[in-house]
Amino acid sequence: MIQDQADGELSHTENHKVGHMPEQNCIAEMVTMTLRESLAPVILTDYDHAKSEISRNAENYNNNMRRSSLNNLTPVQYYRGKPEVQLTFREAKIDKLRILKRKKHVGTKER
């Protein structure tokens, strides 16, 4: 995740449940690429403007962008939440929708 440090600088941090993994570098590169792409069309006028744009993009990245590498959860849901609860809830919702779709399909065949 991307977050502000105490001195106001931005940094990329993660809360790992295991030791260092080789894919950590890949994650850092993905974050950097995402920020670079989202800032490309923006003309930054000064330091404060740059900091506010980066913060806005970091907020979007952390809270709105689902990642397939994180089981389609956002970084906040995966690293700060309980991903197993989110995934269980999602599976239950998908199962419920499958049942409703099956009932609807069976009802159309009987007509």
Protein backbone atom coordinates (compact mmCIF):
# COMPACT_ATOMS: atom_id res chain seq x y z
CA MET A 1 0.00 0.00 0.00
CA ILE A 2 1.04 3.59 -0.43
CA GLN A 3 0.88 5.82 2.61
CA ASP A 4 2.14 9.07 4.12
CA GLN A 5 5.04 8.86 6.53
CA ALA A 6 5.14 11.01 9.69
CA ASP A 7 7.30 13.60 7.87
CA GLY A 8 4.75 13.93 5.07
CA GLU A 9 6.72 11.90 2.52
CA LEU A 10 5.00 9.09 0.64
CA SER A 11 6.23 5.53 0.85
CA HIS A 12 5.19 2.08 -0.34
CA THR A 13 4.54 -0.29 2.56
CA GLU A 14 3.04 -3.69 3.06
CA ASN A 15 1.99 -5.66 6.08
CA HIS A 16 3.32 -9.14 5.33
CA LYS A 17 2.27 -12.22 7.16
CA VAL A 18 5.37 -14.08 5.97
CA GLY A 19 9.02 -13.25 5.35
CA HIS A 20 10.39 -11.52 2.25
CA MET A 21 9.00 -12.91 -0.99
CA PRO A 22 10.50 -12.41 -4.48
CA GLU A 23 7.25 -10.99 -5.81
CA GLN A 24 7.58 -7.96 -3.49
CA ASN A 25 9.72 -6.23 -6.11
CA CYS A 26 7.05 -6.93 -8.71
CA ILE A 27 4.44 -5.32 -6.45
CA ALA A 28 6.61 -2.22 -5.96
CA GLU A 29 7.13 -1.94 -9.72
CA MET A 30 3.38 -2.28 -10.34
CA VAL A 31 2.64 0.51 -7.84
CA THR A 32 5.25 2.75 -9.46
CA MET A 33 3.91 2.05 -12.96
CA THR A 34 0.31 2.71 -11.86
CA LEU A 35 1.27 6.05 -10.31
CA ARG A 36 3.37 7.02 -13.33
CA GLU A 37 0.51 6.25 -15.73
CA SER A 38 -2.09 8.09 -13.67
CA LEU A 39 0.14 11.18 -13.32
CA ALA A 40 1.21 11.27 -17.00
CA PRO A 41 -1.57 13.63 -18.19
CA VAL A 42 -1.22 15.93 -15.15
CA ILE A 43 0.98 19.03 -15.28
CA LEU A 44 2.40 19.42 -11.80
CA THR A 45 2.92 23.07 -10.93
CA ASP A 46 4.74 22.81 -7.60
CA TYR A 47 5.65 20.47 -4.75
CA ASP A 48 2.30 20.80 -2.94
CA HIS A 49 0.38 20.12 -6.14
CA ALA A 50 2.54 17.04 -6.83
CA LYS A 51 2.06 15.80 -3.27
CA SER A 52 -1.73 16.23 -3.43
CA GLU A 53 -1.98 14.45 -6.82
CA ILE A 54 0.16 11.55 -5.58
CA SER A 55 -1.93 11.31 -2.40
CA ARG A 56 -5.15 11.30 -4.42
CA ASN A 57 -3.81 8.56 -6.68
CA ALA A 58 -2.49 6.57 -3.72
CA GLU A 59 -5.94 6.76 -2.09
CA ASN A 60 -7.54 5.50 -5.30
CA TYR A 61 -4.96 2.72 -5.69
CA ASN A 62 -5.34 1.51 -2.10
CA ASN A 63 -9.13 1.68 -1.80
CA ASN A 64 -10.64 1.30 -5.27
CA MET A 65 -8.35 -0.70 -7.52
CA ARG A 66 -8.88 -4.43 -7.24
CA ARG A 67 -5.85 -6.57 -8.06
CA SER A 68 -6.02 -10.06 -9.54
CA SER A 69 -2.81 -10.88 -7.66
CA LEU A 70 -4.73 -10.15 -4.41
CA ASN A 71 -7.72 -12.35 -5.32
CA ASN A 72 -9.51 -9.31 -6.76
CA LEU A 73 -9.40 -7.44 -3.46
CA THR A 74 -8.10 -3.91 -2.99
CA PRO A 75 -4.74 -3.53 -1.20
CA VAL A 76 -6.53 -2.18 1.90
CA GLN A 77 -8.88 -5.17 2.01
CA TYR A 78 -6.01 -7.60 1.53
CA TYR A 79 -3.26 -6.16 3.76
CA ARG A 80 -5.26 -4.39 6.46
CA GLY A 81 -8.45 -6.40 6.51
CA LYS A 82 -9.16 -10.06 6.74
CA PRO A 83 -8.96 -11.34 3.15
CA GLU A 84 -10.33 -14.76 4.08
CA VAL A 85 -13.53 -13.13 5.38
CA GLN A 86 -13.88 -11.03 2.22
CA LEU A 87 -13.35 -14.08 0.00
CA THR A 88 -15.82 -16.22 2.00
CA PHE A 89 -18.43 -13.45 1.77
CA ARG A 90 -17.84 -13.13 -1.98
CA GLU A 91 -18.16 -16.89 -2.54
CA ALA A 92 -21.43 -16.98 -0.58
CA LYS A 93 -22.78 -14.10 -2.67
CA ILE A 94 -21.74 -15.84 -5.92
CA ASP A 95 -23.35 -19.11 -4.77
CA LYS A 96 -26.59 -17.27 -3.94
CA LEU A 97 -26.62 -15.65 -7.39
CA ARG A 98 -26.01 -19.03 -9.06
CA ILE A 99 -29.00 -20.52 -7.24
CA LEU A 100 -31.23 -17.60 -8.24
CA LYS A 101 -30.06 -17.83 -11.85
CA ARG A 102 -30.70 -21.59 -11.88
CA LYS A 103 -34.23 -21.09 -10.48
CA LYS A 104 -34.93 -18.41 -13.07
CA HIS A 105 -33.60 -20.63 -15.87
CA VAL A 106 -35.71 -23.61 -14.72
CA GLY A 107 -38.79 -21.36 -14.51
CA THR A 108 -38.32 -20.23 -18.14
CA LYS A 109 -37.96 -23.81 -19.41
CA GLU A 110 -41.27 -24.87 -17.79
CA ARG A 111 -43.29 -22.25 -19.74
